[in-house]
Amino acid sequence: MTPAKSLLAADPRTRARNRAEARFRALGLGAVLLGLGALVLLVGTILANGAGAFRQTYLTIPVTLDADRLDPAGTRDPADMAAVTTFGYAPLLAQALQQHLRQRGVAMEGIGPRDLMAIISQEAPAQIRAMVLQNPDLLDRTLELEMLAGGRIDGYFKGRVTLQSAERDANVSPAQLVLAQAMADAGMIETRFNWAFLTGSDASGQRPEAAGLGVAILGSLYMMLVVLVLALPIGVAAAVYLEEFAPKNRLTDVIEVNISNLAAVPSIVFGILGLAIFINFAGLPQSAPVVGGLVLTLMTLPTIIIATRAALRAVPPSIRAAALGLGASKMQSVFHHVLPLAAPGILTGTIIGLAQALGETAPLLLIGMVAFVRDFPAAPPEGLFDPASALPVQVYNWTQRADPAFVERAAGATLVLLGLLVTMNLIAVMLRRRFERRW
């Protein structure tokens, strides 16, 4: 006689299922922890490498703007004074620094005039020249001028350069670092938050300490403006027509399949398309935000169309039936009832599409946005046709330069880009919660 089984006692099959469930939960938890660990490692590495980009070393010295050197003609005319290049300002700064060090009693053992000038950034003579040309009345005056320290000096105060590494570096010597430390002890050098990193323009490969993201941020904003103005109305209109009004036939089936395929096309293909159509055929300028915006619009349209159609499908058919039953037309039922209810999903899909476009690099490289750009673009609409850069392209550009200080700049730019992406995703979540309706 078979013994009766108790519901309170687990049989072998139940115990096996319980063990399998426990293993699956452990694997799922392990996968989540592994992903979080990889994310923490990635963000931590970027933070460690890029945090220094938001701090910069400055030195302040009194400089006498000698009119005999800077305005040999004595006309105080900026056109005549422009004949004095930055090479004419550099000795003036070196002499001012040497005099100031002697007045402060800072020893300069083993430091020649050329080594002394290397402590100051090569950007400083250009900045002072621009200031003098803008205001010639500053000549023959002694001013307390704040200027950037050289890249290696800046790296020393950030821990990137050491006395040991300076012995193997042709661009800096241990004596220069010792002098920089003595200047810092005397209050002549300080390291503080670097607003110019967010507002300044790019710099040449010899002046990493002066490189900024201002042009790239403005170029990215201009491109996102073009994408938003074009992709949102076109994408939503196409999705509404295909989902609510289009007849179901072979033509619409082909269109839907092509939209899905376009969403999976590699981004560099869109760059080739933009190069061929917008630049070679239409004659639009290279490195212009309008061209980048048009290319990114083509990339973003499939994402917005698919997200909008999914949001429209999520609206219960009873909403449409109720509106039609009360005498509303098809157009009224869609625009007065269906679209408002689908708005959270549409906005979320749009912002996610914009965030994806913001991080694209490959198509922008093909349309010339990798070019070195120092001048800020004008305000729209003229500025949409001016040369500009973009945040992901600026990151790529800096990683290709030889000076290790640009690696720090690239990591800092990555943090700015990640911050913008996180902000856009937070806005998407907030909009969804703000406009979401339950039925």
Protein backbone atom coordinates (compact mmCIF):
# COMPACT_ATOMS: atom_id res chain seq x y z
CA MET A 1 0.00 0.00 0.00
CA THR A 2 1.46 3.39 -1.10
CA PRO A 3 1.94 5.73 1.88
CA ALA A 4 -0.07 8.96 1.75
CA LYS A 5 1.88 12.11 0.85
CA SER A 6 1.71 15.09 3.18
CA LEU A 7 1.26 18.60 1.83
CA LEU A 8 3.49 19.84 4.64
CA ALA A 9 6.47 17.71 3.62
CA ALA A 10 8.31 18.51 0.38
CA ASP A 11 8.84 15.60 -1.96
CA PRO A 12 12.04 15.19 -4.01
CA ARG A 13 10.56 16.94 -7.09
CA THR A 14 9.48 19.95 -5.01
CA ARG A 15 12.89 20.19 -3.41
CA ALA A 16 14.52 20.04 -6.86
CA ARG A 17 12.28 22.86 -8.11
CA ASN A 18 13.09 24.93 -5.04
CA ARG A 19 16.81 24.42 -5.58
CA ALA A 20 16.48 25.41 -9.25
CA GLU A 21 14.57 28.54 -8.24
CA ALA A 22 17.22 29.44 -5.67
CA ARG A 23 19.98 28.98 -8.26
CA PHE A 24 18.11 31.19 -10.74
CA ARG A 25 17.65 33.91 -8.12
CA ALA A 26 21.34 33.71 -7.22
CA LEU A 27 22.33 33.97 -10.88
CA GLY A 28 20.02 36.96 -11.40
CA LEU A 29 21.34 38.71 -8.29
CA GLY A 30 24.90 37.96 -9.36
CA ALA A 31 24.24 39.44 -12.81
CA VAL A 32 22.81 42.61 -11.25
CA LEU A 33 25.74 42.95 -8.87
CA LEU A 34 28.21 42.32 -11.70
CA GLY A 35 26.57 45.01 -13.81
CA LEU A 36 26.56 47.48 -10.93
CA GLY A 37 30.19 46.70 -10.18
CA ALA A 38 31.17 47.31 -13.81
CA LEU A 39 29.22 50.58 -13.79
CA VAL A 40 30.87 51.73 -10.55
CA LEU A 41 34.30 50.78 -11.94
CA LEU A 42 33.65 52.67 -15.18
CA VAL A 43 32.31 55.82 -13.52
CA GLY A 44 35.02 55.69 -10.84
CA THR A 45 37.76 55.45 -13.47
CA ILE A 46 36.33 58.39 -15.42
CA LEU A 47 35.97 60.42 -12.23
CA ALA A 48 39.53 59.67 -11.17
CA ASN A 49 40.92 60.65 -14.57
CA GLY A 50 38.64 63.58 -15.28
CA ALA A 51 38.14 65.34 -11.95
CA GLY A 52 41.33 67.31 -12.47
CA ALA A 53 39.89 68.95 -15.60
CA PHE A 54 37.53 70.95 -13.38
CA ARG A 55 40.46 72.43 -11.44
CA GLN A 56 43.14 74.68 -12.88
CA THR A 57 46.36 76.25 -11.67
CA TYR A 58 46.75 80.02 -11.98
CA LEU A 59 49.58 82.40 -11.12
CA THR A 60 49.29 86.12 -10.42
CA ILE A 61 52.16 88.55 -11.04
CA PRO A 62 52.44 92.32 -11.59
CA VAL A 63 53.23 93.11 -15.23
CA THR A 64 54.27 96.50 -16.60
CA LEU A 65 52.86 96.93 -20.10
CA ASP A 66 55.80 98.77 -21.63
CA ALA A 67 54.53 101.00 -24.45
CA ASP A 68 57.94 101.10 -26.12
CA ARG A 69 57.76 97.35 -26.71
CA LEU A 70 54.05 96.91 -27.35
CA ASP A 71 53.42 100.09 -29.34
CA PRO A 72 56.66 101.03 -31.13
CA ALA A 73 54.87 103.53 -33.35
CA GLY A 74 53.34 105.30 -30.34
CA THR A 75 49.98 105.74 -32.10
CA ARG A 76 47.84 103.73 -29.66
CA ASP A 77 46.13 102.39 -32.77
CA PRO A 78 45.16 98.71 -32.37
CA ALA A 79 45.83 98.14 -36.07
CA ASP A 80 49.46 99.27 -35.65
CA MET A 81 49.85 97.52 -32.29
CA ALA A 82 48.71 94.23 -33.83
CA ALA A 83 52.09 94.07 -35.58
CA VAL A 84 53.54 92.99 -32.21
CA THR A 85 52.85 89.27 -32.02
CA THR A 86 52.63 87.07 -28.95
CA PHE A 87 56.39 86.49 -29.27
CA GLY A 88 56.81 90.14 -28.33
CA TYR A 89 54.72 89.73 -25.19
CA ALA A 90 56.44 86.55 -23.92
CA PRO A 91 59.75 88.22 -22.89
CA LEU A 92 57.75 90.90 -21.10
CA LEU A 93 56.02 88.26 -18.97
CA ALA A 94 59.26 86.41 -18.29
CA GLN A 95 60.93 89.61 -17.11
CA ALA A 96 57.95 90.49 -14.91
CA LEU A 97 57.97 87.04 -13.34
CA GLN A 98 61.71 87.19 -12.69
CA GLN A 99 61.44 90.59 -10.99
CA HIS A 100 58.49 89.46 -8.89
CA LEU A 101 60.34 86.35 -7.72
CA ARG A 102 63.30 88.48 -6.64
CA GLN A 103 61.03 90.86 -4.76
CA ARG A 104 59.37 87.95 -2.96
CA GLY A 105 62.72 86.36 -2.15
CA VAL A 106 62.01 83.13 -4.05
CA ALA A 107 65.20 81.35 -5.09
CA MET A 108 65.64 80.56 -8.80
CA GLU A 109 68.53 78.10 -8.66
CA GLY A 110 69.15 76.30 -11.93
CA ILE A 111 66.40 78.24 -13.73
CA GLY A 112 67.15 80.21 -16.87
CA PRO A 113 64.87 82.72 -18.61
CA ARG A 114 63.57 80.06 -20.99
CA ASP A 115 62.82 77.65 -18.13
CA LEU A 116 61.16 80.48 -16.23
CA MET A 117 58.84 81.24 -19.13
CA ALA A 118 57.84 77.57 -19.34
CA ILE A 119 56.10 77.95 -15.97
CA ILE A 120 53.62 80.28 -17.66
CA SER A 121 51.17 78.91 -20.20
CA GLN A 122 51.72 79.74 -23.85
CA GLU A 123 48.13 81.00 -23.79
CA ALA A 124 49.04 83.88 -21.44
CA PRO A 125 50.82 86.10 -24.02
CA ALA A 126 47.90 85.72 -26.41
CA GLN A 127 45.37 86.62 -23.71
CA ILE A 128 47.33 89.72 -22.63
CA ARG A 129 47.83 90.77 -26.25
CA ALA A 130 44.07 90.56 -26.87
CA MET A 131 43.44 92.59 -23.71
CA VAL A 132 45.87 95.32 -24.76
CA LEU A 133 44.50 95.51 -28.30
CA GLN A 134 41.01 95.85 -26.90
CA ASN A 135 42.04 98.63 -24.50
CA PRO A 136 45.25 100.45 -25.55
CA ASP A 137 44.94 102.79 -22.56
CA LEU A 138 46.41 100.00 -20.42
CA LEU A 139 49.89 100.69 -21.84
CA ASP A 140 52.53 102.03 -19.44
CA ARG A 141 50.53 100.72 -16.48
CA THR A 142 51.47 98.01 -14.01
CA LEU A 143 48.64 95.50 -13.55
CA GLU A 144 48.19 92.45 -11.35
CA LEU A 145 47.50 89.91 -14.08
CA GLU A 146 46.22 86.40 -13.51
CA MET A 147 47.35 83.85 -16.07
CA LEU A 148 47.36 80.13 -16.62
CA ALA A 149 50.27 78.04 -15.44
CA GLY A 150 51.90 75.70 -17.92
CA GLY A 151 50.47 72.25 -18.50
CA ARG A 152 53.23 70.38 -16.67
CA ILE A 153 53.10 72.81 -13.73
CA ASP A 154 49.34 72.35 -13.56
CA GLY A 155 49.84 68.58 -13.66
CA TYR A 156 52.29 68.78 -10.77
CA PHE A 157 49.75 70.40 -8.47
CA LYS A 158 47.14 67.82 -9.51
CA GLY A 159 49.46 64.88 -8.86
CA ARG A 160 49.79 63.92 -12.52
CA VAL A 161 53.45 65.05 -12.71
CA THR A 162 56.08 64.23 -10.09
CA LEU A 163 59.73 65.04 -9.53
CA GLN A 164 60.59 61.50 -10.64
CA SER A 165 58.61 61.76 -13.88
CA ALA A 166 60.09 65.23 -14.54
CA GLU A 167 63.56 63.68 -14.73
CA ARG A 168 62.40 61.75 -17.82
CA ASP A 169 60.28 64.55 -19.31
CA ALA A 170 61.79 66.89 -21.89
CA ASN A 171 59.05 69.48 -21.28
CA VAL A 172 59.72 70.10 -17.59
CA SER A 173 62.59 69.76 -15.12
CA PRO A 174 62.62 69.01 -11.39
CA ALA A 175 64.04 72.50 -10.79
CA GLN A 176 60.96 74.04 -12.40
CA LEU A 177 58.68 71.98 -10.17
CA VAL A 178 60.64 72.99 -7.08
CA LEU A 179 60.33 76.64 -8.11
CA ALA A 180 56.58 76.21 -8.74
CA GLN A 181 56.16 74.74 -5.26
CA ALA A 182 58.07 77.67 -3.77
CA MET A 183 55.81 80.07 -5.67
CA ALA A 184 52.75 78.27 -4.32
CA ASP A 185 54.13 78.53 -0.79
CA ALA A 186 54.61 82.26 -1.37
CA GLY A 187 50.99 82.66 -2.49
CA MET A 188 51.80 83.32 -6.14
CA ILE A 189 50.19 80.13 -7.44
CA GLU A 190 46.82 78.62 -6.57
CA THR A 191 44.64 75.82 -7.91
CA ARG A 192 40.88 76.34 -7.97
CA PHE A 193 37.71 75.45 -9.86
CA ASN A 194 38.09 75.87 -13.60
CA TRP A 195 35.02 77.58 -15.08
CA ALA A 196 36.94 78.11 -18.33
CA PHE A 197 36.79 74.36 -18.94
CA LEU A 198 33.03 74.70 -19.44
CA THR A 199 32.99 78.10 -21.15
CA GLY A 200 36.28 78.36 -23.06
CA SER A 201 37.13 77.23 -26.56
CA ASP A 202 39.53 74.53 -27.68
CA ALA A 203 43.28 75.11 -27.70
CA SER A 204 46.19 73.78 -29.72
CA GLY A 205 48.08 70.65 -28.83
CA GLN A 206 50.76 72.70 -27.06
CA ARG A 207 48.31 74.36 -24.62
CA PRO A 208 46.15 71.68 -22.98
CA GLU A 209 45.67 73.84 -19.89
CA ALA A 210 43.69 76.36 -22.00
CA ALA A 211 41.38 73.85 -23.73
CA GLY A 212 37.69 74.21 -22.98
CA LEU A 213 34.32 72.79 -23.97
CA GLY A 214 32.41 75.99 -24.70
CA VAL A 215 32.28 75.62 -28.49
CA ALA A 216 31.49 71.89 -28.25
CA ILE A 217 28.66 72.42 -25.76
CA LEU A 218 27.16 75.19 -27.89
CA GLY A 219 27.51 73.09 -31.04
CA SER A 220 25.77 70.13 -29.38
CA LEU A 221 22.93 72.38 -28.18
CA TYR A 222 22.48 73.79 -31.70
CA MET A 223 22.34 70.28 -33.15
CA MET A 224 19.81 69.15 -30.54
CA LEU A 225 17.71 72.21 -31.40
CA VAL A 226 17.66 71.18 -35.07
CA VAL A 227 16.83 67.58 -34.15
CA LEU A 228 14.01 68.65 -31.81
CA VAL A 229 12.46 71.05 -34.33
CA LEU A 230 12.55 68.52 -37.17
CA ALA A 231 12.37 65.05 -35.64
CA LEU A 232 9.58 65.59 -33.11
CA PRO A 233 6.81 66.89 -35.41
CA ILE A 234 7.79 64.66 -38.35
CA GLY A 235 8.17 61.55 -36.21
CA VAL A 236 4.95 62.05 -34.25
CA ALA A 237 2.97 62.90 -37.40
CA ALA A 238 4.29 59.81 -39.20
CA ALA A 239 3.52 57.58 -36.21
CA VAL A 240 -0.02 58.95 -35.80
CA TYR A 241 -0.77 58.45 -39.48
CA LEU A 242 0.63 54.92 -39.60
CA GLU A 243 -1.08 53.84 -36.39
CA GLU A 244 -4.44 55.61 -36.65
CA PHE A 245 -5.20 56.53 -40.25
CA ALA A 246 -3.09 54.52 -42.72
CA PRO A 247 -4.80 51.58 -44.46
CA LYS A 248 -3.29 48.18 -43.77
CA ASN A 249 -1.83 47.12 -47.10
CA ARG A 250 1.48 46.08 -48.62
CA LEU A 251 2.72 49.64 -48.90
CA THR A 252 2.30 50.40 -45.21
CA ASP A 253 3.81 47.00 -44.38
CA VAL A 254 6.91 47.91 -46.40
CA ILE A 255 7.10 51.30 -44.67
CA GLU A 256 6.86 49.72 -41.21
CA VAL A 257 9.55 47.16 -42.02
CA ASN A 258 11.86 49.88 -43.33
CA ILE A 259 11.32 52.00 -40.20
CA SER A 260 12.29 49.04 -38.03
CA ASN A 261 15.33 48.38 -40.23
CA LEU A 262 16.43 52.02 -40.09
CA ALA A 263 16.42 51.87 -36.30
CA ALA A 264 19.08 49.14 -36.52
CA VAL A 265 21.29 50.75 -39.19
CA PRO A 266 24.81 51.63 -37.91
CA SER A 267 25.19 55.33 -37.26
CA ILE A 268 28.17 55.69 -39.59
CA VAL A 269 25.87 54.86 -42.52
CA PHE A 270 23.86 57.99 -41.72
CA GLY A 271 27.12 59.94 -41.73
CA ILE A 272 27.91 58.69 -45.25
CA LEU A 273 24.38 59.65 -46.31
CA GLY A 274 24.74 63.13 -44.81
CA LEU A 275 28.13 63.61 -46.50
CA ALA A 276 26.71 62.63 -49.88
CA ILE A 277 23.41 64.54 -49.73
CA PHE A 278 23.78 67.53 -47.41
CA ILE A 279 27.41 68.45 -48.16
CA ASN A 280 28.32 67.13 -51.63
CA PHE A 281 24.88 67.57 -53.23
CA ALA A 282 23.16 70.36 -51.27
CA GLY A 283 26.39 72.29 -50.71
CA LEU A 284 25.91 72.93 -47.00
CA PRO A 285 29.11 73.84 -45.08
CA GLN A 286 31.14 71.22 -43.27
CA SER A 287 31.37 71.29 -39.47
CA ALA A 288 28.06 73.19 -39.35
CA PRO A 289 25.53 72.31 -36.63
CA VAL A 290 22.72 72.35 -39.22
CA VAL A 291 24.34 69.46 -41.11
CA GLY A 292 24.97 67.54 -37.89
CA GLY A 293 21.39 68.20 -36.83
CA LEU A 294 20.01 66.94 -40.15
CA VAL A 295 22.07 63.75 -39.95
CA LEU A 296 21.05 63.12 -36.34
CA THR A 297 17.42 63.84 -37.28
CA LEU A 298 17.53 60.96 -39.77
CA MET A 299 18.95 58.76 -37.02
CA THR A 300 16.41 59.82 -34.41
CA LEU A 301 13.26 59.60 -36.56
CA PRO A 302 12.91 55.77 -36.39
CA THR A 303 13.31 55.84 -32.59
CA ILE A 304 10.64 58.52 -32.17
CA ILE A 305 8.25 56.81 -34.61
CA ILE A 306 8.57 53.44 -32.89
CA ALA A 307 8.21 54.94 -29.39
CA THR A 308 5.19 57.03 -30.47
CA ARG A 309 3.44 54.06 -32.06
CA ALA A 310 4.01 52.00 -28.91
CA ALA A 311 2.54 54.83 -26.82
CA LEU A 312 -0.50 55.07 -29.09
CA ARG A 313 -1.07 51.30 -28.90
CA ALA A 314 -0.96 51.52 -25.11
CA VAL A 315 -4.10 53.70 -25.10
CA PRO A 316 -7.11 51.37 -24.56
CA PRO A 317 -9.39 50.98 -27.61
CA SER A 318 -12.32 51.84 -25.37
CA ILE A 319 -11.13 55.47 -25.31
CA ARG A 320 -11.44 55.67 -29.08
CA ALA A 321 -14.76 53.84 -29.08
CA ALA A 322 -16.20 56.12 -26.40
CA ALA A 323 -15.16 59.26 -28.27
CA LEU A 324 -16.61 57.98 -31.55
CA GLY A 325 -19.78 56.89 -29.77
CA LEU A 326 -20.31 60.42 -28.46
CA GLY A 327 -20.15 61.82 -31.98
CA ALA A 328 -16.49 62.81 -32.27
CA SER A 329 -14.79 62.41 -35.61
CA LYS A 330 -11.76 60.19 -36.10
CA MET A 331 -9.52 63.26 -36.08
CA GLN A 332 -11.10 64.58 -32.87
CA SER A 333 -10.84 61.25 -31.09
CA VAL A 334 -7.12 61.02 -31.93
CA PHE A 335 -6.06 64.60 -31.17
CA HIS A 336 -8.40 65.28 -28.22
CA HIS A 337 -8.20 61.95 -26.42
CA VAL A 338 -5.60 59.48 -27.73
CA LEU A 339 -2.64 61.85 -28.15
CA PRO A 340 -2.96 63.48 -24.68
CA LEU A 341 -3.03 60.03 -23.08
CA ALA A 342 -0.05 58.90 -25.16
CA ALA A 343 1.93 62.10 -24.47
CA PRO A 344 4.08 60.63 -21.62
CA GLY A 345 5.31 57.80 -23.83
CA ILE A 346 5.88 60.15 -26.77
CA LEU A 347 7.90 62.60 -24.67
CA THR A 348 9.91 59.79 -23.11
CA GLY A 349 10.74 58.30 -26.51
CA THR A 350 11.67 61.72 -27.88
CA ILE A 351 14.05 62.52 -25.03
CA ILE A 352 15.64 59.08 -25.22
CA GLY A 353 16.12 59.60 -28.97
CA LEU A 354 17.70 63.01 -28.33
CA ALA A 355 19.99 61.53 -25.68
CA GLN A 356 21.08 58.84 -28.12
CA ALA A 357 21.76 61.46 -30.78
CA LEU A 358 23.73 63.61 -28.30
CA GLY A 359 26.25 60.82 -27.77
CA GLU A 360 26.81 59.93 -31.43
CA THR A 361 30.30 60.42 -32.84
CA ALA A 362 30.76 58.41 -36.04
CA PRO A 363 28.34 60.34 -38.32
CA LEU A 364 29.71 63.68 -37.10
CA LEU A 365 33.27 62.65 -37.96
CA LEU A 366 32.27 62.06 -41.57
CA ILE A 367 30.70 65.51 -41.99
CA GLY A 368 33.82 67.30 -40.75
CA MET A 369 32.89 68.22 -37.18
CA VAL A 370 36.24 66.88 -36.01
CA ALA A 371 37.89 70.08 -37.25
CA PHE A 372 39.72 72.36 -34.81
CA VAL A 373 37.33 75.25 -33.99
CA ARG A 374 38.22 78.12 -31.65
CA ASP A 375 35.58 80.72 -32.52
CA PHE A 376 32.13 80.49 -31.00
CA PRO A 377 29.23 80.20 -33.47
CA ALA A 378 26.82 83.12 -33.65
CA ALA A 379 23.27 83.03 -32.37
CA PRO A 380 20.70 81.10 -34.44
CA PRO A 381 19.83 81.03 -37.23
CA GLU A 382 23.20 82.30 -38.53
CA GLY A 383 25.09 80.24 -35.97
CA LEU A 384 23.61 77.01 -37.32
CA PHE A 385 25.81 77.45 -40.41
CA ASP A 386 28.99 78.49 -38.54
CA PRO A 387 31.76 75.94 -37.84
CA ALA A 388 31.36 74.20 -34.49
CA SER A 389 32.28 71.02 -32.69
CA ALA A 390 30.27 68.58 -30.56
CA LEU A 391 30.87 67.00 -27.17
CA PRO A 392 31.50 63.38 -28.29
CA VAL A 393 33.69 64.56 -31.17
CA GLN A 394 35.65 66.80 -28.79
CA VAL A 395 36.29 63.80 -26.56
CA TYR A 396 37.55 61.83 -29.56
CA ASN A 397 39.69 64.75 -30.70
CA TRP A 398 41.39 65.16 -27.33
CA THR A 399 42.19 61.46 -27.02
CA GLN A 400 44.15 61.67 -30.28
CA ARG A 401 46.55 64.35 -28.99
CA ALA A 402 49.97 63.53 -27.64
CA ASP A 403 50.03 65.55 -24.41
CA PRO A 404 48.79 63.42 -21.47
CA ALA A 405 46.95 66.46 -20.09
CA PHE A 406 44.43 66.03 -22.92
CA VAL A 407 43.52 62.61 -21.52
CA GLU A 408 42.42 64.39 -18.36
CA ARG A 409 40.47 66.89 -20.49
CA ALA A 410 38.82 64.05 -22.44
CA ALA A 411 37.73 62.30 -19.24
CA GLY A 412 36.35 65.59 -17.90
CA ALA A 413 34.40 66.12 -21.13
CA THR A 414 33.03 62.59 -20.76
CA LEU A 415 31.75 63.51 -17.31
CA VAL A 416 30.01 66.58 -18.77
CA LEU A 417 28.46 64.43 -21.51
CA LEU A 418 27.31 61.82 -18.99
CA GLY A 419 25.84 64.59 -16.86
CA LEU A 420 23.81 65.89 -19.81
CA LEU A 421 22.60 62.38 -20.66
CA VAL A 422 21.57 61.65 -17.07
CA THR A 423 19.77 65.01 -16.93
CA MET A 424 17.85 64.24 -20.11
CA ASN A 425 16.83 60.82 -18.82
CA LEU A 426 15.71 62.33 -15.50
CA ILE A 427 13.60 64.84 -17.43
CA ALA A 428 12.05 61.95 -19.35
CA VAL A 429 11.13 60.18 -16.10
CA MET A 430 9.71 63.37 -14.59
CA LEU A 431 7.61 64.11 -17.68
CA ARG A 432 6.25 60.58 -17.71
CA ARG A 433 5.23 60.80 -14.07
CA ARG A 434 3.84 64.31 -14.54
CA PHE A 435 1.56 63.50 -17.48
CA GLU A 436 0.88 59.83 -16.82
CA ARG A 437 -2.76 58.92 -16.40
CA ARG A 438 -4.17 55.67 -15.09
CA TRP A 439 -7.38 54.07 -16.17
